[in-house]
C-alpha atoms as a PDB file:
ATOM      1  CA  MET A   1      -0.116   0.096  -0.185  1.00  0.00           C
ATOM      2  CA  TYR A   2       1.052   3.233  -0.618  1.00  0.00           C
ATOM      3  CA  LEU A   3      -0.019   7.199  -0.308  1.00  0.00           C
ATOM      4  CA  LYS A   4      -1.595   8.883  -3.845  1.00  0.00           C
ATOM      5  CA  CYS A   5      -2.134  12.056  -4.151  1.00  0.00           C
ATOM      6  CA  HIS A   6      -5.366  13.685  -6.352  1.00  0.00           C
ATOM      7  CA  PRO A   7      -4.734  17.303  -7.487  1.00  0.00           C
ATOM      8  CA  ARG A   8      -7.128  19.321  -8.484  1.00  0.00           C
ATOM      9  CA  PHE A   9      -7.645  22.422  -9.374  1.00  0.00           C
ATOM     10  CA  LYS A  10     -10.271  25.017  -7.883  1.00  0.00           C
ATOM     11  CA  ASP A  11     -11.562  28.382  -7.805  1.00  0.00           C
ATOM     12  CA  GLY A  12      -7.403  29.025  -9.501  1.00  0.00           C
ATOM     13  CA  LYS A  13      -5.899  27.043  -6.478  1.00  0.00           C
ATOM     14  CA  GLU A  14      -4.038  24.043  -6.526  1.00  0.00           C
ATOM     15  CA  HIS A  15      -6.246  21.615  -3.732  1.00  0.00           C
ATOM     16  CA  ARG A  16      -4.611  18.161  -2.948  1.00  0.00           C
ATOM     17  CA  TYR A  17      -6.598  14.794  -1.313  1.00  0.00           C
ATOM     18  CA  TRP A  18      -5.001  12.291  -0.490  1.00  0.00           C
ATOM     19  CA  SER A  19      -5.749   8.577  -0.178  1.00  0.00           C
ATOM     20  CA  ILE A  20      -4.686   4.716   0.834  1.00  0.00           C
ATOM     21  CA  ALA A  21      -4.270   2.847  -2.555  1.00  0.00           C
ATOM     22  CA  GLU A  22      -2.477  -0.575  -2.994  1.00  0.00           C
ATOM     23  CA  LYS A  23      -1.863  -2.504  -6.644  1.00  0.00           C
ATOM     24  CA  ARG A  24      -3.683  -5.076  -7.646  1.00  0.00           C
ATOM     25  CA  ARG A  25      -3.477  -6.993 -10.603  1.00  0.00           C
ATOM     26  CA  CYS A  26      -6.475  -8.303 -12.957  1.00  0.00           C
ATOM     27  CA  ALA A  27      -7.413 -11.275 -14.145  1.00  0.00           C
ATOM     28  CA  ASP A  28      -6.753 -10.433 -18.050  1.00  0.00           C
ATOM     29  CA  GLY A  29      -3.036  -9.415 -16.408  1.00  0.00           C
ATOM     30  CA  ARG A  30      -3.518  -5.492 -15.668  1.00  0.00           C
ATOM     31  CA  VAL A  31      -2.568  -3.679 -12.528  1.00  0.00           C
ATOM     32  CA  VAL A  32      -4.704  -1.328 -11.541  1.00  0.00           C
ATOM     33  CA  ASP A  33      -5.162   1.566  -8.267  1.00  0.00           C
ATOM     34  CA  ARG A  34      -7.493   0.112  -5.671  1.00  0.00           C
ATOM     35  CA  HIS A  35      -8.737   2.818  -3.098  1.00  0.00           C
ATOM     36  CA  VAL A  36      -8.190   1.077   0.672  1.00  0.00           C
ATOM     37  CA  LEU A  37      -9.247   4.505   2.627  1.00  0.00           C
ATOM     38  CA  TYR A  38      -9.671   7.781   1.390  1.00  0.00           C
ATOM     39  CA  LEU A  39      -7.782  10.799   3.758  1.00  0.00           C
ATOM     40  CA  GLY A  40      -9.582  14.353   2.037  1.00  0.00           C
ATOM     41  CA  GLU A  41      -7.159  17.318   1.796  1.00  0.00           C
ATOM     42  CA  ILE A  42      -5.043  18.410   4.774  1.00  0.00           C
ATOM     43  CA  ASN A  43      -4.684  22.300   4.749  1.00  0.00           C
ATOM     44  CA  ASP A  44      -1.964  24.217   6.111  1.00  0.00           C
ATOM     45  CA  SER A  45      -3.779  24.701   9.113  1.00  0.00           C
ATOM     46  CA  GLN A  46      -4.190  20.823   9.881  1.00  0.00           C
ATOM     47  CA  HIS A  47      -1.097  20.168   8.419  1.00  0.00           C
ATOM     48  CA  ALA A  48       0.570  22.446  11.360  1.00  0.00           C
ATOM     49  CA  SER A  49      -1.282  21.064  14.121  1.00  0.00           C
ATOM     50  CA  TRP A  50      -0.726  17.227  12.598  1.00  0.00           C
ATOM     51  CA  LEU A  51       2.606  17.987  12.283  1.00  0.00           C
ATOM     52  CA  ARG A  52       4.901  14.694  13.511  1.00  0.00           C
ATOM     53  CA  MET A  53       8.738  14.565  14.171  1.00  0.00           C
ATOM     54  CA  ILE A  54      11.084  11.875  13.554  1.00  0.00           C
ATOM     55  CA  GLU A  55      14.217  11.091  15.006  1.00  0.00           C
ATOM     56  CA  ALA A  56      16.752  10.925  12.168  1.00  0.00           C
ATOM     57  CA  PHE A  57      20.764   9.739  13.255  1.00  0.00           C
ATOM     58  CA  ASP A  58      22.986  12.614  12.370  1.00  0.00           C
ATOM     59  CA  VAL A  59      26.561  10.610  10.866  1.00  0.00           C
ATOM     60  CA  ALA A  60      28.264  14.009  10.629  1.00  0.00           C
ATOM     61  CA  GLN A  61      27.546  14.925  13.852  1.00  0.00           C
ATOM     62  CA  GLN A  62      27.057  11.586  15.800  1.00  0.00           C
ATOM     63  CA  GLN A  63      23.522  12.315  17.607  1.00  0.00           C
ATOM     64  CA  GLN A  64      20.117  12.465  17.204  1.00  0.00           C
ATOM     65  CA  THR A  65      18.065  15.175  15.562  1.00  0.00           C
ATOM     66  CA  ARG A  66      14.549  15.565  15.118  1.00  0.00           C
ATOM     67  CA  LEU A  67      13.220  16.217  11.570  1.00  0.00           C
ATOM     68  CA  ALA A  68       9.699  17.234   9.367  1.00  0.00           C
ATOM     69  CA  LEU A  69       9.149  15.778   6.428  1.00  0.00           C
ATOM     70  CA  PHE A  70       7.564  17.264   3.414  1.00  0.00           C
ATOM     71  CA  PRO A  71       6.924  17.110  -0.049  1.00  0.00           C
ATOM     72  CA  ALA A  72       9.763  18.508  -2.320  1.00  0.00           C
ATOM     73  CA  ASP A  73       7.246  20.431  -4.261  1.00  0.00           C
ATOM     74  CA  ARG A  74       5.714  21.966  -1.770  1.00  0.00           C
ATOM     75  CA  PRO A  75       7.807  25.178   0.149  1.00  0.00           C
ATOM     76  CA  ILE A  76       8.180  23.971   4.057  1.00  0.00           C
ATOM     77  CA  PRO A  77       6.320  26.329   6.410  1.00  0.00           C
ATOM     78  CA  ASP A  78       7.622  29.029   8.376  1.00  0.00           C
ATOM     79  CA  HIS A  79       6.432  27.483  11.807  1.00  0.00           C
ATOM     80  CA  ALA A  80       9.045  24.498  10.873  1.00  0.00           C
ATOM     81  CA  ARG A  81      11.505  25.874   8.613  1.00  0.00           C
ATOM     82  CA  ASP A  82      14.180  24.836  11.376  1.00  0.00           C
ATOM     83  CA  CYS A  83      13.258  21.233  11.641  1.00  0.00           C
ATOM     84  CA  GLY A  84      11.709  20.689   7.761  1.00  0.00           C
ATOM     85  CA  VAL A  85      13.475  18.855   5.104  1.00  0.00           C
ATOM     86  CA  GLN A  86      12.002  18.094   1.955  1.00  0.00           C
ATOM     87  CA  VAL A  87      11.384  14.790   0.455  1.00  0.00           C
ATOM     88  CA  ARG A  88      11.568  13.495  -3.242  1.00  0.00           C
ATOM     89  CA  LEU A  89       8.689  10.832  -2.802  1.00  0.00           C
ATOM     90  CA  ALA A  90       9.216   9.722  -6.683  1.00  0.00           C
ATOM     91  CA  GLU A  91      12.291   8.456  -5.622  1.00  0.00           C
ATOM     92  CA  PHE A  92      11.746   6.440  -2.398  1.00  0.00           C
ATOM     93  CA  ALA A  93      12.649   2.578  -2.955  1.00  0.00           C
ATOM     94  CA  LEU A  94      12.400  -0.405  -1.311  1.00  0.00           C
ATOM     95  CA  ARG A  95      15.225  -2.498  -1.573  1.00  0.00           C
ATOM     96  CA  ARG A  96      15.864  -6.085  -0.591  1.00  0.00           C
ATOM     97  CA  PRO A  97      12.314  -6.288   1.513  1.00  0.00           C
ATOM     98  CA  ARG A  98      11.900  -9.483   3.993  1.00  0.00           C
ATOM     99  CA  GLN A  99       8.375  -9.850   4.931  1.00  0.00           C
ATOM    100  CA  TRP A 100       9.068 -10.490   8.537  1.00  0.00           C
ATOM    101  CA  GLY A 101      11.450  -7.782   8.734  1.00  0.00           C
ATOM    102  CA  ALA A 102       8.436  -5.695   7.278  1.00  0.00           C
ATOM    103  CA  CYS A 103       6.425  -6.415  10.439  1.00  0.00           C
ATOM    104  CA  TRP A 104       9.291  -6.141  13.071  1.00  0.00           C
ATOM    105  CA  GLY A 105       9.817  -2.368  11.215  1.00  0.00           C
ATOM    106  CA  ALA A 106       6.419  -1.430  10.747  1.00  0.00           C
ATOM    107  CA  SER A 107       5.435  -2.095  14.679  1.00  0.00           C
ATOM    108  CA  ARG A 108       8.818  -0.315  15.539  1.00  0.00           C
ATOM    109  CA  LEU A 109       8.197   2.606  13.100  1.00  0.00           C
ATOM    110  CA  TRP A 110       4.517   3.010  14.654  1.00  0.00           C
ATOM    111  CA  ALA A 111       5.904   3.032  18.264  1.00  0.00           C
ATOM    112  CA  GLN A 112       8.288   5.634  17.459  1.00  0.00           C
ATOM    113  CA  LEU A 113       5.809   7.692  15.285  1.00  0.00           C
ATOM    114  CA  GLN A 114       3.540   7.476  18.076  1.00  0.00           C
ATOM    115  CA  LEU A 115       1.152   6.459  15.791  1.00  0.00           C
ATOM    116  CA  GLU A 116      -0.918   4.810  18.273  1.00  0.00           C
ATOM    117  CA  GLU A 117      -1.776   8.331  19.985  1.00  0.00           C
ATOM    118  CA  PHE A 118      -2.448   9.926  16.666  1.00  0.00           C
ATOM    119  CA  TRP A 119      -5.192   7.267  15.377  1.00  0.00           C
ATOM    120  CA  ARG A 120      -6.837   7.432  18.839  1.00  0.00           C
ATOM    121  CA  GLU A 121      -7.696  10.710  18.217  1.00  0.00           C
ATOM    122  CA  LYS A 122      -8.505  10.387  14.750  1.00  0.00           C
ATOM    123  CA  LEU A 123     -10.661   7.194  14.896  1.00  0.00           C
ATOM    124  CA  PRO A 124     -14.032   7.432  17.467  1.00  0.00           C
ATOM    125  CA  ALA A 125     -15.714   4.262  18.143  1.00  0.00           C
ATOM    126  CA  SER A 126     -17.601   2.848  15.776  1.00  0.00           C
ATOM    127  CA  ARG A 127     -21.425   2.124  15.063  1.00  0.00           C
ATOM    128  CA  GLU A 128     -21.334  -0.763  16.820  1.00  0.00           C
ATOM    129  CA  GLY A 129     -19.319   0.259  19.637  1.00  0.00           C
ATOM    130  CA  THR A 130     -15.820  -0.991  18.391  1.00  0.00           C
ATOM    131  CA  ARG A 131     -13.270   0.839  19.876  1.00  0.00           C
ATOM    132  CA  TRP A 132     -10.210   0.660  17.354  1.00  0.00           C
ATOM    133  CA  SER A 133      -7.658   1.591  19.985  1.00  0.00           C
ATOM    134  CA  HIS A 134      -8.624  -1.004  22.122  1.00  0.00           C
ATOM    135  CA  VAL A 135      -8.202  -3.524  19.044  1.00  0.00           C
ATOM    136  CA  LEU A 136      -4.780  -1.935  17.984  1.00  0.00           C
ATOM    137  CA  GLN A 137      -3.644  -2.913  22.051  1.00  0.00           C
ATOM    138  CA  VAL A 138      -5.243  -6.303  21.585  1.00  0.00           C
ATOM    139  CA  ALA A 139      -3.690  -7.208  18.211  1.00  0.00           C
ATOM    140  CA  ARG A 140       0.135  -6.279  18.926  1.00  0.00           C
ATOM    141  CA  PRO A 141       0.774  -7.464  22.264  1.00  0.00           C
ATOM    142  CA  SER A 142       0.638 -11.622  21.160  1.00  0.00           C
ATOM    143  CA  VAL A 143       3.411 -10.932  18.308  1.00  0.00           C
ATOM    144  CA  ARG A 144       6.988 -11.855  20.031  1.00  0.00           C
ATOM    145  CA  VAL A 145       9.834 -10.603  17.587  1.00  0.00           C
ATOM    146  CA  LYS A 146      13.966 -11.494  17.949  1.00  0.00           C
ATOM    147  CA  LEU A 147      16.776 -10.396  15.930  1.00  0.00           C
ATOM    148  CA  LEU A 148      19.035 -13.039  14.338  1.00  0.00           C
ATOM    149  CA  PRO A 149      22.260 -12.667  13.425  1.00  0.00           C
ATOM    150  CA  GLN A 150      23.603 -14.838  10.546  1.00  0.00           C
ATOM    151  CA  ASP A 151      25.782 -14.859   7.659  1.00  0.00           C
ATOM    152  CA  GLY A 152      26.898 -11.180   8.358  1.00  0.00           C
ATOM    153  CA  GLU A 153      22.770 -10.139   7.627  1.00  0.00           C
ATOM    154  CA  LEU A 154      20.513  -9.262  10.436  1.00  0.00           C
ATOM    155  CA  TYR A 155      17.159 -11.726  10.232  1.00  0.00           C
ATOM    156  CA  VAL A 156      13.905 -11.099  11.931  1.00  0.00           C
ATOM    157  CA  LEU A 157      12.040 -13.694  13.744  1.00  0.00           C
ATOM    158  CA  VAL A 158       8.281 -12.980  14.496  1.00  0.00           C
ATOM    159  CA  ASP A 159       6.735 -15.570  16.766  1.00  0.00           C
ATOM    160  CA  SER A 160       3.176 -15.113  16.550  1.00  0.00           C
ATOM    161  CA  GLY A 161       0.998 -16.645  19.039  1.00  0.00           C
ATOM    162  CA  ALA A 162      -2.069 -16.498  17.698  1.00  0.00           C
ATOM    163  CA  ARG A 163      -1.028 -17.224  14.098  1.00  0.00           C
ATOM    164  CA  VAL A 164       1.238 -20.594  16.081  1.00  0.00           C
ATOM    165  CA  ALA A 165      -2.593 -21.635  17.981  1.00  0.00           C
ATOM    166  CA  LYS A 166      -4.430 -21.479  14.910  1.00  0.00           C
ATOM    167  CA  GLU A 167      -1.748 -23.506  12.706  1.00  0.00           C
ATOM    168  CA  TRP A 168      -2.071 -26.592  15.428  1.00  0.00           C
ATOM    169  CA  ALA A 169      -5.989 -26.279  15.591  1.00  0.00           C
ATOM    170  CA  MET A 170      -5.885 -26.531  11.688  1.00  0.00           C
ATOM    171  CA  ARG A 171      -3.567 -29.572  11.722  1.00  0.00           C
ATOM    172  CA  ARG A 172      -5.489 -31.506  14.872  1.00  0.00           C
ATOM    173  CA  ARG A 173      -8.869 -31.004  12.755  1.00  0.00           C
ATOM    174  CA  LYS A 174      -6.339 -32.566   9.959  1.00  0.00           C
ATOM    175  CA  LEU A 175      -5.386 -35.590  11.808  1.00  0.00           C
ATOM    176  CA  LYS A 176      -8.868 -36.261  13.555  1.00  0.00           C
ATOM    177  CA  THR A 177     -10.512 -36.329  10.197  1.00  0.00           C
ATOM    178  CA  LEU A 178      -7.698 -38.152   8.489  1.00  0.00           C
ATOM    179  CA  TRP A 179      -7.841 -40.823  11.506  1.00  0.00           C
ATOM    180  CA  THR A 180     -11.597 -41.354  11.130  1.00  0.00           C
ATOM    181  CA  ARG A 181     -11.395 -41.760   7.534  1.00  0.00           C
ATOM    182  CA  LEU A 182      -8.879 -44.497   8.522  1.00  0.00           C
ATOM    183  CA  ARG A 183     -10.831 -46.212  11.127  1.00  0.00           C
ATOM    184  CA  GLN A 184     -13.642 -46.264   7.901  1.00  0.00           C
ATOM    185  CA  LEU A 185     -11.765 -47.687   5.504  1.00  0.00           C
ATOM    186  CA  GLN A 186     -10.395 -51.012   8.135  1.00  0.00           C
ATOM    187  CA  ARG A 187     -14.021 -51.514   8.730  1.00  0.00           C
ATOM    188  CA  GLN A 188     -15.119 -51.391   5.219  1.00  0.00           C
ATOM    189  CA  ARG A 189     -11.988 -54.024   4.163  1.00  0.00           C
ATOM    190  CA  PRO A 190     -12.027 -52.976   0.292  1.00  0.00           C
ATOM    191  CA  SER A 191     -10.074 -54.736  -2.248  1.00  0.00           C
ATOM    192  CA  TYR A 192      -6.593 -53.585  -3.054  1.00  0.00           C
ATOM    193  CA  GLU A 193      -6.454 -51.557  -5.666  1.00  0.00           C
ATOM    194  CA  ARG A 194      -9.790 -49.136  -4.202  1.00  0.00           C
ATOM    195  CA  LEU A 195      -7.863 -48.961  -0.521  1.00  0.00           C
ATOM    196  CA  LEU A 196      -4.944 -47.622  -3.039  1.00  0.00           C
ATOM    197  CA  LEU A 197      -7.379 -44.905  -4.359  1.00  0.00           C
ATOM    198  CA  GLU A 198      -8.867 -44.428  -1.278  1.00  0.00           C
ATOM    199  CA  LEU A 199      -5.091 -43.924   0.740  1.00  0.00           C
ATOM    200  CA  GLY A 200      -4.333 -41.278  -2.024  1.00  0.00           C
ATOM    201  CA  ALA A 201      -7.264 -39.307  -1.549  1.00  0.00           C
ATOM    202  CA  ALA A 202      -7.011 -39.164   2.048  1.00  0.00           C
ATOM    203  CA  LYS A 203      -3.117 -38.241   1.731  1.00  0.00           C
ATOM    204  CA  LYS A 204      -3.892 -35.033  -0.507  1.00  0.00           C
ATOM    205  CA  THR A 205      -6.362 -33.863   1.849  1.00  0.00           C
ATOM    206  CA  ALA A 206      -4.268 -34.310   4.951  1.00  0.00           C
ATOM    207  CA  GLY A 207      -1.416 -32.588   3.478  1.00  0.00           C
ATOM    208  CA  ARG A 208       1.388 -32.880   6.138  1.00  0.00           C
ATOM    209  CA  VAL A 209      -0.694 -34.624   8.548  1.00  0.00           C
ATOM    210  CA  TRP A 210      -0.474 -37.604   6.847  1.00  0.00           C
ATOM    211  CA  SER A 211       3.512 -37.719   8.235  1.00  0.00           C
ATOM    212  CA  LEU A 212       2.233 -38.610  11.654  1.00  0.00           C
ATOM    213  CA  VAL A 213       0.397 -41.908  10.927  1.00  0.00           C
ATOM    214  CA  SER A 214       2.168 -44.887  10.059  1.00  0.00           C
ATOM    215  CA  VAL A 215      -0.415 -47.166   7.571  1.00  0.00           C
ATOM    216  CA  THR A 216       0.641 -50.657   6.690  1.00  0.00           C
ATOM    217  CA  LEU A 217      -1.255 -52.216   3.869  1.00  0.00           C
ATOM    218  CA  PRO A 218      -2.629 -56.066   3.898  1.00  0.00           C
ATOM    219  CA  GLU A 219      -0.785 -58.372   2.318  1.00  0.00           C
END
C-alpha cells in the first residue's frame, strides 16, 4: 500500500486530496489502483496541528536530531523552518524487502511515530461500539520479535502466538479427519486397488499431517 495524491484545481488554487491505495493485478494481467482509505484534503492549519517529528541519526555529528518531512514540490512552512526537510517521494524505493522484517519495521515505526496516540484522536468508536485503539492493543502484544544475526546479515524472527495456535488447531482437525477416514477404511475392507485410491485421496487431503501416521497395507 502507498499514499496517493489527487491534485485538483478549484477557484484558481491547487487542492490536494490524499488516499491510501494498493496495486492489484486483474485476471487479464492489467495492474490497477485500488483505493483502501480516503483521507481527504489536509490544509495548512491542519498540517501545522498534525505535524509529527521523526528521530534521525546525524552521521556527521554522531547524534540524534528531530526532523519534519514535507514533499519536495511544496515550500516548507514558516513554523517548521528549523526542522523541515523536503523529501522526493517519487525517488523513494524499497530494496531487498523481507516479509518478517517488514512486520518488525512497521511495529518499530508505529511506536517511534506515536501513531497509536495519533489515530486514537482520529478514529472514534464505530456505530457498533468498536474502539479501534483497543483492537490495536489486543492485536500487537501477541507478536514476539527476535533479531538473529547470521552470515553477516540481520534476520528478524516474528513469533505470533495467535498464528501458531491457529495452525495447531487446523492440524488437529486434519489429523482427526484423517484418523476417522482410516478407521472407516479399516471397517469397510475394500479391495487392494480401491484401498490404494482411497489412501491416495486421504493423503492429498491431509497434507503434512499424513507424516504423523503410519499405514500398513495388507499383504
